[in-house]
Amino acid sequence: MCDSEIFDKAIVKYFAPIARELGLPLAKVSDGIYEIPSPHFIMRIRLHTGHRRGFNVLLRRASFRKFDENEPFVQYDIGCFLELYGEDLKKTFIEVDSDDDFMRQAQLLAEATKRHGVPYLIGKCKDFDAVREIVKKRARENIEKIRELRFPKNVRKEWI
């Protein structure tokens, strides 16, 4: 099955009930992108566009209705929230090799959304800045590690 077709099925099966239970809309933004907006946060559910098969669940403040998806520190993957609350990411993020794996991934991400996304959507969590700080700290650490690597002379400094 085409990933966009199975993605739509996963949204209907696992994420539409979450939106319905909260009384929030579930909007298809474009092929491979859905959003559940609330007055507090917007949850974006996006089909992977990279090398891996699967999808992402991202949260951003509702004040960022229009945003650049590539701008750092605006939206955060549900995995960042799992880490904040001490959950093992390996229990939620699985390798997706088949349609069954894809649907299992959807179910696991929907369960993570219920635990850690819903409280933001309904305005009960106030620790969004803690997630931002964790991600910024990790980014600084990774930049330092990259700077310590020895690259060939033909690698331009601005690429590092």
Protein backbone atom coordinates (compact mmCIF):
# COMPACT_ATOMS: atom_id res chain seq x y z
CA MET A 1 0.00 0.00 0.00
CA CYS A 2 1.21 3.54 -0.74
CA ASP A 3 2.45 5.31 2.40
CA SER A 4 0.11 8.27 1.89
CA GLU A 5 -2.87 5.88 1.81
CA ILE A 6 -1.84 3.97 4.93
CA PHE A 7 -0.98 7.27 6.63
CA ASP A 8 -4.53 8.54 6.02
CA LYS A 9 -5.92 5.27 7.42
CA ALA A 10 -3.68 5.57 10.51
CA ILE A 11 -4.87 9.14 11.09
CA VAL A 12 -8.52 8.09 10.93
CA LYS A 13 -8.00 5.06 13.17
CA TYR A 14 -5.70 6.50 15.85
CA PHE A 15 -5.69 10.31 15.79
CA ALA A 16 -9.25 11.24 14.78
CA PRO A 17 -10.60 9.70 18.03
CA ILE A 18 -8.17 11.85 20.05
CA ALA A 19 -9.33 15.03 18.33
CA ARG A 20 -12.98 14.01 18.65
CA GLU A 21 -12.60 13.25 22.37
CA LEU A 22 -11.07 16.70 22.94
CA GLY A 23 -13.67 18.44 20.79
CA LEU A 24 -10.91 19.73 18.50
CA PRO A 25 -10.80 19.70 14.70
CA LEU A 26 -8.54 17.38 12.75
CA ALA A 27 -7.56 19.19 9.57
CA LYS A 28 -5.76 17.83 6.53
CA VAL A 29 -3.28 20.58 5.67
CA SER A 30 -1.95 18.80 2.57
CA ASP A 31 -1.03 15.29 1.46
CA GLY A 32 0.88 13.72 4.32
CA ILE A 33 0.16 16.49 6.85
CA TYR A 34 -2.66 16.76 9.38
CA GLU A 35 -3.10 19.15 12.29
CA ILE A 36 -5.07 19.19 15.52
CA PRO A 37 -5.20 22.86 16.53
CA SER A 38 -6.21 24.10 19.96
CA PRO A 39 -6.11 27.58 21.50
CA HIS A 40 -2.89 26.57 23.30
CA PHE A 41 -0.88 24.33 20.96
CA ILE A 42 -1.03 22.87 17.47
CA MET A 43 -0.19 19.24 16.91
CA ARG A 44 1.13 18.40 13.46
CA ILE A 45 1.12 14.79 12.30
CA ARG A 46 3.39 14.49 9.29
CA LEU A 47 4.38 11.64 7.02
CA HIS A 48 8.17 11.13 6.97
CA THR A 49 9.76 12.79 4.01
CA GLY A 50 13.25 11.43 4.63
CA HIS A 51 14.94 8.07 4.36
CA ARG A 52 12.92 6.31 7.04
CA ARG A 53 9.39 5.05 6.68
CA GLY A 54 6.83 6.30 9.20
CA PHE A 55 5.72 9.67 10.49
CA ASN A 56 6.23 12.38 13.08
CA VAL A 57 4.00 13.92 15.74
CA LEU A 58 5.09 17.49 16.46
CA LEU A 59 3.89 20.19 18.87
CA ARG A 60 4.21 23.95 18.57
CA ARG A 61 2.61 26.89 20.35
CA ALA A 62 -0.65 28.11 18.83
CA SER A 63 0.93 31.55 18.43
CA PHE A 64 2.95 30.05 15.55
CA ARG A 65 0.04 29.45 13.17
CA LYS A 66 2.22 30.34 10.17
CA PHE A 67 5.78 29.18 10.54
CA ASP A 68 8.81 27.92 8.68
CA GLU A 69 9.01 24.17 9.24
CA ASN A 70 12.80 24.35 9.00
CA GLU A 71 13.19 27.04 11.67
CA PRO A 72 14.72 25.55 14.81
CA PHE A 73 13.14 25.68 18.26
CA VAL A 74 9.56 26.26 17.08
CA GLN A 75 8.12 22.73 16.98
CA TYR A 76 9.20 19.62 18.80
CA ASP A 77 8.75 15.93 18.14
CA ILE A 78 6.70 13.93 20.66
CA GLY A 79 9.94 12.06 21.41
CA CYS A 80 11.30 15.19 23.13
CA PHE A 81 8.32 15.11 25.50
CA LEU A 82 8.82 11.40 26.14
CA GLU A 83 12.43 12.11 27.07
CA LEU A 84 11.41 14.98 29.36
CA TYR A 85 9.19 12.58 31.29
CA GLY A 86 11.81 9.82 31.39
CA GLU A 87 10.23 7.39 28.93
CA ASP A 88 12.28 4.96 26.87
CA LEU A 89 12.04 6.04 23.23
CA LYS A 90 12.67 2.46 22.04
CA LYS A 91 9.21 1.49 23.30
CA THR A 92 7.53 4.03 21.02
CA PHE A 93 9.77 4.41 17.99
CA ILE A 94 10.07 1.15 16.09
CA GLU A 95 11.63 0.24 12.76
CA VAL A 96 8.93 0.43 10.09
CA ASP A 97 9.47 -2.23 7.42
CA SER A 98 5.88 -3.20 6.56
CA ASP A 99 2.35 -1.81 6.53
CA ASP A 100 1.69 -3.65 9.80
CA ASP A 101 4.74 -1.95 11.34
CA PHE A 102 3.45 1.38 10.06
CA MET A 103 0.10 0.89 11.79
CA ARG A 104 1.84 -0.29 14.98
CA GLN A 105 3.98 2.87 14.90
CA ALA A 106 0.81 4.93 14.49
CA GLN A 107 -0.75 3.24 17.50
CA LEU A 108 2.36 3.79 19.64
CA LEU A 109 2.57 7.46 18.64
CA ALA A 110 -1.14 7.95 19.33
CA GLU A 111 -0.68 6.46 22.80
CA ALA A 112 2.30 8.79 23.39
CA THR A 113 0.13 11.66 22.16
CA LYS A 114 -2.56 10.81 24.71
CA ARG A 115 0.02 10.78 27.52
CA HIS A 116 2.13 13.78 26.57
CA GLY A 117 0.49 15.72 23.73
CA VAL A 118 -3.08 16.03 24.98
CA PRO A 119 -2.12 17.91 28.18
CA TYR A 120 -0.51 20.61 26.01
CA LEU A 121 -3.46 20.77 23.63
CA ILE A 122 -5.86 21.37 26.53
CA GLY A 123 -3.55 23.89 28.21
CA LYS A 124 -2.67 21.87 31.32
CA CYS A 125 1.11 21.70 30.81
CA LYS A 126 3.33 24.70 31.44
CA ASP A 127 6.75 23.11 30.88
CA PHE A 128 7.11 23.65 27.13
CA ASP A 129 10.17 25.82 27.77
CA ALA A 130 11.83 22.87 29.53
CA VAL A 131 11.52 20.86 26.32
CA ARG A 132 13.00 23.78 24.37
CA GLU A 133 15.96 23.98 26.77
CA ILE A 134 16.62 20.22 26.56
CA VAL A 135 16.68 20.41 22.77
CA LYS A 136 18.89 23.53 22.73
CA LYS A 137 21.33 21.89 25.16
CA ARG A 138 21.49 18.74 23.03
CA ALA A 139 22.02 20.87 19.90
CA ARG A 140 24.92 22.78 21.54
CA GLU A 141 26.52 19.50 22.62
CA ASN A 142 26.18 18.05 19.12
CA ILE A 143 27.66 21.18 17.54
CA GLU A 144 30.68 20.89 19.81
CA LYS A 145 31.12 17.22 18.85
CA ILE A 146 30.95 18.13 15.16
CA ARG A 147 33.54 20.88 15.60
CA GLU A 148 35.92 18.36 17.17
CA LEU A 149 35.78 16.09 14.12
CA ARG A 150 38.61 16.27 11.63
CA PHE A 151 37.23 17.03 8.20
CA PRO A 152 39.20 17.00 4.95
CA LYS A 153 40.37 20.43 3.74
CA ASN A 154 37.78 20.41 0.96
CA VAL A 155 34.91 20.62 3.50
CA ARG A 156 33.88 24.24 3.75
CA LYS A 157 33.71 25.69 7.26
CA GLU A 158 30.12 26.92 6.85
CA TRP A 159 29.01 23.30 6.28
CA ILE A 160 30.20 22.35 9.74
